Protein backbone atom coordinates (compact mmCIF):
# COMPACT_ATOMS: atom_id res chain seq x y z
CA UNK A 1 0.00 0.00 0.00
CA UNK A 2 1.48 3.28 -1.03
CA UNK A 3 1.42 6.34 1.22
CA UNK A 4 -0.29 8.24 -1.55
CA UNK A 5 -3.15 5.72 -1.72
CA UNK A 6 -3.49 5.69 2.07
CA UNK A 7 -3.55 9.50 2.14
CA UNK A 8 -6.18 9.69 -0.60
CA UNK A 9 -8.25 7.03 1.16
CA UNK A 10 -8.12 8.89 4.49
CA UNK A 11 -9.15 12.11 2.72
CA UNK A 12 -12.10 10.31 1.09
CA UNK A 13 -13.15 8.82 4.45
CA UNK A 14 -13.02 12.28 6.03
CA UNK A 15 -15.20 13.69 3.25
CA UNK A 16 -17.80 11.01 3.91
CA UNK A 17 -17.67 11.54 7.68
CA UNK A 18 -18.09 15.30 7.39
CA UNK A 19 -20.68 15.33 4.59
CA UNK A 20 -23.72 17.37 5.60
CA UNK A 21 -26.79 15.26 6.33
CA UNK A 22 -28.94 17.80 4.51
CA UNK A 23 -26.70 17.94 1.42
CA UNK A 24 -27.76 17.36 -2.17
CA UNK A 25 -26.67 13.70 -2.18
CA UNK A 26 -29.06 11.34 -0.41
CA UNK A 27 -27.45 7.88 -0.43
CA UNK A 28 -29.78 4.90 -0.50
CA UNK A 29 -29.30 1.81 1.66
CA UNK A 30 -27.45 -0.12 -1.06
CA UNK A 31 -24.94 2.71 -1.47
CA UNK A 32 -24.39 2.94 2.29
CA UNK A 33 -23.83 -0.81 2.52
CA UNK A 34 -21.39 -0.74 -0.41
CA UNK A 35 -19.39 2.08 1.20
CA UNK A 36 -19.43 0.31 4.58
CA UNK A 37 -18.17 -2.91 3.00
CA UNK A 38 -15.43 -1.15 1.03
CA UNK A 39 -14.31 0.71 4.16
CA UNK A 40 -14.18 -2.46 6.24
CA UNK A 41 -12.37 -4.41 3.51
CA UNK A 42 -9.84 -1.59 3.14
CA UNK A 43 -9.22 -1.25 6.86
CA UNK A 44 -9.76 -4.78 8.25
CA UNK A 45 -9.39 -7.14 5.29
CA UNK A 46 -11.67 -10.12 4.76
CA UNK A 47 -14.75 -10.51 6.92
CA UNK A 48 -14.30 -12.70 9.97
CA UNK A 49 -16.43 -14.06 12.74
CA UNK A 50 -19.89 -15.51 12.66
CA UNK A 51 -22.73 -14.01 10.67
CA UNK A 52 -25.13 -12.14 13.00
CA UNK A 53 -28.34 -13.92 13.94
CA UNK A 54 -31.77 -13.46 12.40
CA UNK A 55 -32.80 -10.81 14.89
CA UNK A 56 -29.89 -8.55 14.00
CA UNK A 57 -31.13 -7.60 10.54
CA UNK A 58 -28.82 -4.60 10.10
CA UNK A 59 -25.81 -6.60 11.27
CA UNK A 60 -26.63 -9.34 8.76
CA UNK A 61 -26.90 -6.87 5.88
CA UNK A 62 -23.56 -5.31 6.83
CA UNK A 63 -21.89 -8.69 7.22
CA UNK A 64 -23.23 -9.94 3.88
CA UNK A 65 -22.15 -6.77 2.04
CA UNK A 66 -18.65 -7.09 3.48
CA UNK A 67 -18.50 -10.85 2.78
CA UNK A 68 -19.15 -10.19 -0.92
CA UNK A 69 -15.75 -8.47 -1.06
CA UNK A 70 -13.86 -11.45 0.37
CA UNK A 71 -10.56 -11.81 -1.46
CA UNK A 72 -10.47 -8.16 -2.56
CA UNK A 73 -7.13 -6.62 -1.67
CA UNK A 74 -7.02 -3.70 0.73
CA UNK A 75 -5.53 -1.50 -1.98
CA UNK A 76 -8.29 -2.41 -4.43
CA UNK A 77 -10.95 -1.70 -1.79
CA UNK A 78 -9.35 1.69 -1.06
CA UNK A 79 -9.26 2.55 -4.75
CA UNK A 80 -12.93 1.61 -5.19
CA UNK A 81 -13.90 3.63 -2.11
CA UNK A 82 -12.04 6.67 -3.44
CA UNK A 83 -13.65 6.24 -6.87
CA UNK A 84 -17.13 6.15 -5.30
CA UNK A 85 -16.48 9.36 -3.36
CA UNK A 86 -15.04 11.10 -6.42
CA UNK A 87 -18.05 10.02 -8.48
CA UNK A 88 -20.45 11.55 -5.95
CA UNK A 89 -18.37 14.73 -5.81
CA UNK A 90 -18.46 15.11 -9.58
CA UNK A 91 -22.20 14.55 -9.70
CA UNK A 92 -23.25 16.61 -6.67
CA UNK A 93 -20.37 19.01 -6.11
PDB file of N, CA and C in Angstrom:
ATOM      1  N   UNK A   1       0.851  -1.172   0.000  1.00  0.00           N
ATOM      2  CA  UNK A   1       0.000   0.000   0.000  1.00  0.00           C
ATOM      3  C   UNK A   1       0.895   1.233   0.000  1.00  0.00           C
ATOM      4  N   UNK A   2       0.668   2.083  -0.941  1.00  0.00           N
ATOM      5  CA  UNK A   2       1.484   3.282  -1.025  1.00  0.00           C
ATOM      6  C   UNK A   2       0.941   4.360  -0.089  1.00  0.00           C
ATOM      7  N   UNK A   3       1.829   5.234   0.353  1.00  0.00           N
ATOM      8  CA  UNK A   3       1.415   6.339   1.221  1.00  0.00           C
ATOM      9  C   UNK A   3       0.406   7.225   0.512  1.00  0.00           C
ATOM     10  N   UNK A   4       0.605   7.404  -0.772  1.00  0.00           N
ATOM     11  CA  UNK A   4      -0.290   8.238  -1.553  1.00  0.00           C
ATOM     12  C   UNK A   4      -1.714   7.672  -1.543  1.00  0.00           C
ATOM     13  N   UNK A   5      -1.838   6.363  -1.735  1.00  0.00           N
ATOM     14  CA  UNK A   5      -3.147   5.720  -1.722  1.00  0.00           C
ATOM     15  C   UNK A   5      -3.777   5.843  -0.336  1.00  0.00           C
ATOM     16  N   UNK A   6      -2.998   5.581   0.691  1.00  0.00           N
ATOM     17  CA  UNK A   6      -3.490   5.690   2.074  1.00  0.00           C
ATOM     18  C   UNK A   6      -3.948   7.119   2.362  1.00  0.00           C
ATOM     19  N   UNK A   7      -3.195   8.104   1.922  1.00  0.00           N
ATOM     20  CA  UNK A   7      -3.548   9.504   2.139  1.00  0.00           C
ATOM     21  C   UNK A   7      -4.839   9.856   1.411  1.00  0.00           C
ATOM     22  N   UNK A   8      -4.961   9.421   0.164  1.00  0.00           N
ATOM     23  CA  UNK A   8      -6.184   9.688  -0.604  1.00  0.00           C
ATOM     24  C   UNK A   8      -7.389   8.991   0.018  1.00  0.00           C
ATOM     25  N   UNK A   9      -7.176   7.769   0.512  1.00  0.00           N
ATOM     26  CA  UNK A   9      -8.253   7.028   1.161  1.00  0.00           C
ATOM     27  C   UNK A   9      -8.716   7.755   2.429  1.00  0.00           C
ATOM     28  N   UNK A  10      -7.770   8.175   3.252  1.00  0.00           N
ATOM     29  CA  UNK A  10      -8.124   8.885   4.487  1.00  0.00           C
ATOM     30  C   UNK A  10      -8.867  10.186   4.178  1.00  0.00           C
ATOM     31  N   UNK A  11      -8.458  10.874   3.117  1.00  0.00           N
ATOM     32  CA  UNK A  11      -9.152  12.107   2.718  1.00  0.00           C
ATOM     33  C   UNK A  11     -10.582  11.798   2.276  1.00  0.00           C
ATOM     34  N   UNK A  12     -10.761  10.705   1.538  1.00  0.00           N
ATOM     35  CA  UNK A  12     -12.103  10.315   1.093  1.00  0.00           C
ATOM     36  C   UNK A  12     -12.975   9.938   2.289  1.00  0.00           C
ATOM     37  N   UNK A  13     -12.408   9.206   3.242  1.00  0.00           N
ATOM     38  CA  UNK A  13     -13.146   8.823   4.453  1.00  0.00           C
ATOM     39  C   UNK A  13     -13.581  10.076   5.211  1.00  0.00           C
ATOM     40  N   UNK A  14     -12.694  11.039   5.316  1.00  0.00           N
ATOM     41  CA  UNK A  14     -13.022  12.283   6.029  1.00  0.00           C
ATOM     42  C   UNK A  14     -14.144  13.043   5.317  1.00  0.00           C
ATOM     43  N   UNK A  15     -14.124  13.029   4.001  1.00  0.00           N
ATOM     44  CA  UNK A  15     -15.203  13.693   3.247  1.00  0.00           C
ATOM     45  C   UNK A  15     -16.549  13.039   3.540  1.00  0.00           C
ATOM     46  N   UNK A  16     -16.551  11.726   3.619  1.00  0.00           N
ATOM     47  CA  UNK A  16     -17.801  11.011   3.909  1.00  0.00           C
ATOM     48  C   UNK A  16     -18.257  11.316   5.336  1.00  0.00           C
ATOM     49  N   UNK A  17     -17.320  11.290   6.266  1.00  0.00           N
ATOM     50  CA  UNK A  17     -17.670  11.543   7.676  1.00  0.00           C
ATOM     51  C   UNK A  17     -18.190  12.951   7.913  1.00  0.00           C
ATOM     52  N   UNK A  18     -17.704  13.906   7.150  1.00  0.00           N
ATOM     53  CA  UNK A  18     -18.089  15.300   7.389  1.00  0.00           C
ATOM     54  C   UNK A  18     -19.140  15.805   6.399  1.00  0.00           C
ATOM     55  N   UNK A  19     -19.660  14.915   5.561  1.00  0.00           N
ATOM     56  CA  UNK A  19     -20.678  15.332   4.591  1.00  0.00           C
ATOM     57  C   UNK A  19     -21.936  15.776   5.333  1.00  0.00           C
ATOM     58  N   UNK A  20     -22.520  16.884   4.915  1.00  0.00           N
ATOM     59  CA  UNK A  20     -23.724  17.367   5.598  1.00  0.00           C
ATOM     60  C   UNK A  20     -24.907  16.420   5.368  1.00  0.00           C
ATOM     61  N   UNK A  21     -25.629  16.150   6.424  1.00  0.00           N
ATOM     62  CA  UNK A  21     -26.790  15.257   6.327  1.00  0.00           C
ATOM     63  C   UNK A  21     -27.872  15.836   5.426  1.00  0.00           C
ATOM     64  N   UNK A  22     -27.912  17.154   5.328  1.00  0.00           N
ATOM     65  CA  UNK A  22     -28.937  17.804   4.512  1.00  0.00           C
ATOM     66  C   UNK A  22     -28.397  18.232   3.147  1.00  0.00           C
ATOM     67  N   UNK A  23     -27.306  17.612   2.708  1.00  0.00           N
ATOM     68  CA  UNK A  23     -26.696  17.944   1.421  1.00  0.00           C
ATOM     69  C   UNK A  23     -27.517  17.439   0.249  1.00  0.00           C
ATOM     70  N   UNK A  24     -27.044  17.727  -0.948  1.00  0.00           N
ATOM     71  CA  UNK A  24     -27.760  17.358  -2.174  1.00  0.00           C
ATOM     72  C   UNK A  24     -27.781  15.851  -2.407  1.00  0.00           C
ATOM     73  N   UNK A  25     -26.749  15.144  -1.964  1.00  0.00           N
ATOM     74  CA  UNK A  25     -26.667  13.701  -2.183  1.00  0.00           C
ATOM     75  C   UNK A  25     -27.348  12.960  -1.042  1.00  0.00           C
ATOM     76  N   UNK A  26     -28.326  12.148  -1.380  1.00  0.00           N
ATOM     77  CA  UNK A  26     -29.058  11.339  -0.407  1.00  0.00           C
ATOM     78  C   UNK A  26     -28.802   9.866  -0.736  1.00  0.00           C
ATOM     79  N   UNK A  27     -27.788   9.266  -0.101  1.00  0.00           N
ATOM     80  CA  UNK A  27     -27.449   7.880  -0.427  1.00  0.00           C
ATOM     81  C   UNK A  27     -28.545   6.913   0.003  1.00  0.00           C
ATOM     82  N   UNK A  28     -28.808   5.923  -0.853  1.00  0.00           N
ATOM     83  CA  UNK A  28     -29.776   4.897  -0.496  1.00  0.00           C
ATOM     84  C   UNK A  28     -29.070   3.810   0.326  1.00  0.00           C
ATOM     85  N   UNK A  29     -29.832   2.859   0.803  1.00  0.00           N
ATOM     86  CA  UNK A  29     -29.297   1.806   1.660  1.00  0.00           C
ATOM     87  C   UNK A  29     -28.229   0.987   0.955  1.00  0.00           C
ATOM     88  N   UNK A  30     -28.439   0.668  -0.316  1.00  0.00           N
ATOM     89  CA  UNK A  30     -27.450  -0.117  -1.061  1.00  0.00           C
ATOM     90  C   UNK A  30     -26.110   0.613  -1.150  1.00  0.00           C
ATOM     91  N   UNK A  31     -26.170   1.912  -1.387  1.00  0.00           N
ATOM     92  CA  UNK A  31     -24.945   2.706  -1.468  1.00  0.00           C
ATOM     93  C   UNK A  31     -24.227   2.716  -0.115  1.00  0.00           C
ATOM     94  N   UNK A  32     -24.982   2.924   0.947  1.00  0.00           N
ATOM     95  CA  UNK A  32     -24.385   2.942   2.287  1.00  0.00           C
ATOM     96  C   UNK A  32     -23.733   1.607   2.612  1.00  0.00           C
ATOM     97  N   UNK A  33     -24.403   0.513   2.273  1.00  0.00           N
ATOM     98  CA  UNK A  33     -23.827  -0.808   2.523  1.00  0.00           C
ATOM     99  C   UNK A  33     -22.565  -1.028   1.705  1.00  0.00           C
ATOM    100  N   UNK A  34     -22.570  -0.594   0.446  1.00  0.00           N
ATOM    101  CA  UNK A  34     -21.386  -0.739  -0.408  1.00  0.00           C
ATOM    102  C   UNK A  34     -20.209   0.041   0.183  1.00  0.00           C
ATOM    103  N   UNK A  35     -20.465   1.262   0.628  1.00  0.00           N
ATOM    104  CA  UNK A  35     -19.389   2.077   1.203  1.00  0.00           C
ATOM    105  C   UNK A  35     -18.887   1.477   2.517  1.00  0.00           C
ATOM    106  N   UNK A  36     -19.806   0.970   3.330  1.00  0.00           N
ATOM    107  CA  UNK A  36     -19.432   0.312   4.577  1.00  0.00           C
ATOM    108  C   UNK A  36     -18.520  -0.875   4.279  1.00  0.00           C
ATOM    109  N   UNK A  37     -18.936  -1.710   3.327  1.00  0.00           N
ATOM    110  CA  UNK A  37     -18.171  -2.906   2.998  1.00  0.00           C
ATOM    111  C   UNK A  37     -16.787  -2.550   2.452  1.00  0.00           C
ATOM    112  N   UNK A  38     -16.726  -1.564   1.572  1.00  0.00           N
ATOM    113  CA  UNK A  38     -15.433  -1.150   1.030  1.00  0.00           C
ATOM    114  C   UNK A  38     -14.527  -0.613   2.131  1.00  0.00           C
ATOM    115  N   UNK A  39     -15.094   0.162   3.041  1.00  0.00           N
ATOM    116  CA  UNK A  39     -14.305   0.708   4.156  1.00  0.00           C
ATOM    117  C   UNK A  39     -13.756  -0.425   5.020  1.00  0.00           C
ATOM    118  N   UNK A  40     -14.622  -1.365   5.383  1.00  0.00           N
ATOM    119  CA  UNK A  40     -14.178  -2.462   6.245  1.00  0.00           C
ATOM    120  C   UNK A  40     -13.138  -3.342   5.545  1.00  0.00           C
ATOM    121  N   UNK A  41     -13.333  -3.602   4.259  1.00  0.00           N
ATOM    122  CA  UNK A  41     -12.372  -4.415   3.508  1.00  0.00           C
ATOM    123  C   UNK A  41     -11.032  -3.693   3.434  1.00  0.00           C
ATOM    124  N   UNK A  42     -11.073  -2.379   3.243  1.00  0.00           N
ATOM    125  CA  UNK A  42      -9.840  -1.588   3.138  1.00  0.00           C
ATOM    126  C   UNK A  42      -9.118  -1.489   4.476  1.00  0.00           C
ATOM    127  N   UNK A  43      -9.857  -1.450   5.565  1.00  0.00           N
ATOM    128  CA  UNK A  43      -9.217  -1.255   6.864  1.00  0.00           C
ATOM    129  C   UNK A  43      -8.977  -2.550   7.629  1.00  0.00           C
ATOM    130  N   UNK A  44      -9.851  -3.555   7.461  1.00  0.00           N
ATOM    131  CA  UNK A  44      -9.761  -4.780   8.248  1.00  0.00           C
ATOM    132  C   UNK A  44      -9.485  -6.040   7.437  1.00  0.00           C
ATOM    133  N   UNK A  45      -9.574  -5.954   6.113  1.00  0.00           N
ATOM    134  CA  UNK A  45      -9.385  -7.145   5.287  1.00  0.00           C
ATOM    135  C   UNK A  45     -10.658  -7.967   5.216  1.00  0.00           C
ATOM    136  N   UNK A  46     -10.511  -9.257   4.928  1.00  0.00           N
ATOM    137  CA  UNK A  46     -11.674 -10.125   4.759  1.00  0.00           C
ATOM    138  C   UNK A  46     -12.514 -10.217   6.028  1.00  0.00           C
ATOM    139  N   UNK A  47     -13.821 -10.374   5.811  1.00  0.00           N
ATOM    140  CA  UNK A  47     -14.754 -10.506   6.917  1.00  0.00           C
ATOM    141  C   UNK A  47     -14.377 -11.714   7.771  1.00  0.00           C
ATOM    142  N   UNK A  48     -14.597 -11.588   9.065  1.00  0.00           N
ATOM    143  CA  UNK A  48     -14.296 -12.696   9.974  1.00  0.00           C
ATOM    144  C   UNK A  48     -15.411 -12.803  11.001  1.00  0.00           C
ATOM    145  N   UNK A  49     -15.417 -13.870  11.712  1.00  0.00           N
ATOM    146  CA  UNK A  49     -16.431 -14.061  12.736  1.00  0.00           C
ATOM    147  C   UNK A  49     -17.697 -14.662  12.160  1.00  0.00           C
ATOM    148  N   UNK A  50     -18.631 -14.897  13.060  1.00  0.00           N
ATOM    149  CA  UNK A  50     -19.895 -15.506  12.661  1.00  0.00           C
ATOM    150  C   UNK A  50     -20.852 -14.452  12.126  1.00  0.00           C
ATOM    151  N   UNK A  51     -21.684 -14.876  11.207  1.00  0.00           N
ATOM    152  CA  UNK A  51     -22.729 -14.006  10.668  1.00  0.00           C
ATOM    153  C   UNK A  51     -23.735 -13.730  11.783  1.00  0.00           C
ATOM    154  N   UNK A  52     -24.155 -12.464  11.952  1.00  0.00           N
ATOM    155  CA  UNK A  52     -25.128 -12.145  13.000  1.00  0.00           C
ATOM    156  C   UNK A  52     -26.422 -12.949  12.833  1.00  0.00           C
ATOM    157  N   UNK A  53     -27.111 -13.143  13.938  1.00  0.00           N
ATOM    158  CA  UNK A  53     -28.342 -13.921  13.943  1.00  0.00           C
ATOM    159  C   UNK A  53     -29.498 -13.219  13.244  1.00  0.00           C
ATOM    160  N   UNK A  54     -30.593 -13.953  13.108  1.00  0.00           N
ATOM    161  CA  UNK A  54     -31.771 -13.457  12.398  1.00  0.00           C
ATOM    162  C   UNK A  54     -32.337 -12.164  12.985  1.00  0.00           C
ATOM    163  N   UNK A  55     -32.217 -11.983  14.260  1.00  0.00           N
ATOM    164  CA  UNK A  55     -32.805 -10.811  14.893  1.00  0.00           C
ATOM    165  C   UNK A  55     -31.977  -9.545  14.687  1.00  0.00           C
ATOM    166  N   UNK A  56     -30.750  -9.703  14.279  1.00  0.00           N
ATOM    167  CA  UNK A  56     -29.886  -8.552  13.996  1.00  0.00           C
ATOM    168  C   UNK A  56     -29.872  -8.308  12.485  1.00  0.00           C
ATOM    169  N   UNK A  57     -30.960  -7.775  11.980  1.00  0.00           N
ATOM    170  CA  UNK A  57     -31.130  -7.603  10.537  1.00  0.00           C
ATOM    171  C   UNK A  57     -30.058  -6.672   9.956  1.00  0.00           C
ATOM    172  N   UNK A  58     -29.819  -5.554  10.595  1.00  0.00           N
ATOM    173  CA  UNK A  58     -28.824  -4.601  10.098  1.00  0.00           C
ATOM    174  C   UNK A  58     -27.437  -5.229  10.108  1.00  0.00           C
ATOM    175  N   UNK A  59     -27.106  -5.919  11.187  1.00  0.00           N
ATOM    176  CA  UNK A  59     -25.814  -6.600  11.271  1.00  0.00           C
ATOM    177  C   UNK A  59     -25.632  -7.627  10.171  1.00  0.00           C
ATOM    178  N   UNK A  60     -26.699  -8.343   9.837  1.00  0.00           N
ATOM    179  CA  UNK A  60     -26.631  -9.342   8.760  1.00  0.00           C
ATOM    180  C   UNK A  60     -26.382  -8.679   7.408  1.00  0.00           C
ATOM    181  N   UNK A  61     -27.105  -7.579   7.143  1.00  0.00           N
ATOM    182  CA  UNK A  61     -26.897  -6.866   5.881  1.00  0.00           C
ATOM    183  C   UNK A  61     -25.461  -6.366   5.769  1.00  0.00           C
ATOM    184  N   UNK A  62     -24.935  -5.806   6.854  1.00  0.00           N
ATOM    185  CA  UNK A  62     -23.557  -5.310   6.835  1.00  0.00           C
ATOM    186  C   UNK A  62     -22.570  -6.450   6.623  1.00  0.00           C
ATOM    187  N   UNK A  63     -22.764  -7.536   7.350  1.00  0.00           N
ATOM    188  CA  UNK A  63     -21.885  -8.693   7.225  1.00  0.00           C
ATOM    189  C   UNK A  63     -21.900  -9.234   5.795  1.00  0.00           C
ATOM    190  N   UNK A  64     -23.102  -9.396   5.241  1.00  0.00           N
ATOM    191  CA  UNK A  64     -23.234  -9.937   3.885  1.00  0.00           C
ATOM    192  C   UNK A  64     -22.583  -9.027   2.844  1.00  0.00           C
ATOM    193  N   UNK A  65     -22.762  -7.714   2.985  1.00  0.00           N
ATOM    194  CA  UNK A  65     -22.148  -6.769   2.043  1.00  0.00           C
ATOM    195  C   UNK A  65     -20.627  -6.884   2.099  1.00  0.00           C
ATOM    196  N   UNK A  66     -20.089  -6.976   3.301  1.00  0.00           N
ATOM    197  CA  UNK A  66     -18.649  -7.087   3.479  1.00  0.00           C
ATOM    198  C   UNK A  66     -18.151  -8.436   2.959  1.00  0.00           C
ATOM    199  N   UNK A  67     -18.911  -9.508   3.217  1.00  0.00           N
ATOM    200  CA  UNK A  67     -18.500 -10.848   2.784  1.00  0.00           C
ATOM    201  C   UNK A  67     -18.408 -10.947   1.263  1.00  0.00           C
ATOM    202  N   UNK A  68     -19.200 -10.177   0.545  1.00  0.00           N
ATOM    203  CA  UNK A  68     -19.147 -10.191  -0.920  1.00  0.00           C
ATOM    204  C   UNK A  68     -17.784  -9.726  -1.446  1.00  0.00           C
ATOM    205  N   UNK A  69     -17.056  -8.989  -0.638  1.00  0.00           N
ATOM    206  CA  UNK A  69     -15.750  -8.468  -1.056  1.00  0.00           C
ATOM    207  C   UNK A  69     -14.596  -9.379  -0.645  1.00  0.00           C
ATOM    208  N   UNK A  70     -14.912 -10.537  -0.087  1.00  0.00           N
ATOM    209  CA  UNK A  70     -13.864 -11.446   0.365  1.00  0.00           C
ATOM    210  C   UNK A  70     -12.882 -11.714  -0.769  1.00  0.00           C
ATOM    211  N   UNK A  71     -11.607 -11.591  -0.464  1.00  0.00           N
ATOM    212  CA  UNK A  71     -10.562 -11.807  -1.457  1.00  0.00           C
ATOM    213  C   UNK A  71     -10.114 -10.532  -2.155  1.00  0.00           C
ATOM    214  N   UNK A  72     -10.862  -9.446  -1.982  1.00  0.00           N
ATOM    215  CA  UNK A  72     -10.467  -8.162  -2.565  1.00  0.00           C
ATOM    216  C   UNK A  72      -9.317  -7.600  -1.736  1.00  0.00           C
ATOM    217  N   UNK A  73      -8.276  -7.164  -2.409  1.00  0.00           N
ATOM    218  CA  UNK A  73      -7.126  -6.622  -1.666  1.00  0.00           C
ATOM    219  C   UNK A  73      -7.503  -5.305  -1.001  1.00  0.00           C
ATOM    220  N   UNK A  74      -6.766  -4.964   0.030  1.00  0.00           N
ATOM    221  CA  UNK A  74      -7.015  -3.702   0.733  1.00  0.00           C
ATOM    222  C   UNK A  74      -6.821  -2.515  -0.210  1.00  0.00           C
ATOM    223  N   UNK A  75      -5.778  -2.586  -1.035  1.00  0.00           N
ATOM    224  CA  UNK A  75      -5.529  -1.497  -1.983  1.00  0.00           C
ATOM    225  C   UNK A  75      -6.680  -1.341  -2.969  1.00  0.00           C
ATOM    226  N   UNK A  76      -7.179  -2.461  -3.482  1.00  0.00           N
ATOM    227  CA  UNK A  76      -8.289  -2.405  -4.434  1.00  0.00           C
ATOM    228  C   UNK A  76      -9.538  -1.839  -3.762  1.00  0.00           C
ATOM    229  N   UNK A  77      -9.785  -2.225  -2.513  1.00  0.00           N
ATOM    230  CA  UNK A  77     -10.948  -1.696  -1.787  1.00  0.00           C
ATOM    231  C   UNK A  77     -10.796  -0.193  -1.571  1.00  0.00           C
ATOM    232  N   UNK A  78      -9.591   0.254  -1.238  1.00  0.00           N
ATOM    233  CA  UNK A  78      -9.351   1.693  -1.058  1.00  0.00           C
ATOM    234  C   UNK A  78      -9.605   2.439  -2.359  1.00  0.00           C
ATOM    235  N   UNK A  79      -9.089   1.898  -3.451  1.00  0.00           N
ATOM    236  CA  UNK A  79      -9.261   2.553  -4.749  1.00  0.00           C
ATOM    237  C   UNK A  79     -10.739   2.643  -5.130  1.00  0.00           C
ATOM    238  N   UNK A  80     -11.493   1.581  -4.885  1.00  0.00           N
ATOM    239  CA  UNK A  80     -12.928   1.606  -5.194  1.00  0.00           C
ATOM    240  C   UNK A  80     -13.673   2.600  -4.301  1.00  0.00           C
ATOM    241  N   UNK A  81     -13.288   2.676  -3.043  1.00  0.00           N
ATOM    242  CA  UNK A  81     -13.905   3.633  -2.112  1.00  0.00           C
ATOM    243  C   UNK A  81     -13.652   5.062  -2.595  1.00  0.00           C
ATOM    244  N   UNK A  82     -12.410   5.345  -2.939  1.00  0.00           N
ATOM    245  CA  UNK A  82     -12.036   6.674  -3.436  1.00  0.00           C
ATOM    246  C   UNK A  82     -12.817   6.993  -4.707  1.00  0.00           C
ATOM    247  N   UNK A  83     -12.921   6.026  -5.615  1.00  0.00           N
ATOM    248  CA  UNK A  83     -13.648   6.236  -6.870  1.00  0.00           C
ATOM    249  C   UNK A  83     -15.119   6.553  -6.607  1.00  0.00           C
ATOM    250  N   UNK A  84     -15.730   5.882  -5.643  1.00  0.00           N
ATOM    251  CA  UNK A  84     -17.133   6.151  -5.296  1.00  0.00           C
ATOM    252  C   UNK A  84     -17.296   7.581  -4.789  1.00  0.00           C
ATOM    253  N   UNK A  85     -16.405   7.999  -3.915  1.00  0.00           N
ATOM    254  CA  UNK A  85     -16.479   9.356  -3.361  1.00  0.00           C
ATOM    255  C   UNK A  85     -16.273  10.389  -4.458  1.00  0.00           C
ATOM    256  N   UNK A  86     -15.295  10.155  -5.330  1.00  0.00           N
ATOM    257  CA  UNK A  86     -15.039  11.099  -6.425  1.00  0.00           C
ATOM    258  C   UNK A  86     -16.233  11.165  -7.367  1.00  0.00           C
ATOM    259  N   UNK A  87     -16.879  10.039  -7.623  1.00  0.00           N
ATOM    260  CA  UNK A  87     -18.055  10.019  -8.483  1.00  0.00           C
ATOM    261  C   UNK A  87     -19.199  10.875  -7.904  1.00  0.00           C
ATOM    262  N   UNK A  88     -19.406  10.749  -6.622  1.00  0.00           N
ATOM    263  CA  UNK A  88     -20.453  11.547  -5.955  1.00  0.00           C
ATOM    264  C   UNK A  88     -20.084  13.022  -6.000  1.00  0.00           C
ATOM    265  N   UNK A  89     -18.814  13.330  -5.756  1.00  0.00           N
ATOM    266  CA  UNK A  89     -18.372  14.734  -5.808  1.00  0.00           C
ATOM    267  C   UNK A  89     -18.591  15.344  -7.180  1.00  0.00           C
ATOM    268  N   UNK A  90     -18.279  14.591  -8.218  1.00  0.00           N
ATOM    269  CA  UNK A  90     -18.460  15.105  -9.576  1.00  0.00           C
ATOM    270  C   UNK A  90     -19.931  15.340  -9.878  1.00  0.00           C
ATOM    271  N   UNK A  91     -20.777  14.459  -9.401  1.00  0.00           N
ATOM    272  CA  UNK A  91     -22.202  14.550  -9.697  1.00  0.00           C
ATOM    273  C   UNK A  91     -22.911  15.608  -8.849  1.00  0.00           C
ATOM    274  N   UNK A  92     -22.521  15.728  -7.576  1.00  0.00           N
ATOM    275  CA  UNK A  92     -23.247  16.612  -6.669  1.00  0.00           C
ATOM    276  C   UNK A  92     -22.437  17.802  -6.154  1.00  0.00           C
ATOM    277  N   UNK A  93     -21.171  17.858  -6.506  1.00  0.00           N
ATOM    278  CA  UNK A  93     -20.368  19.006  -6.114  1.00  0.00           C
ATOM    279  C   UNK A  93     -19.808  18.980  -4.786  1.00  0.00           C
TER     280      UNK A  93
END
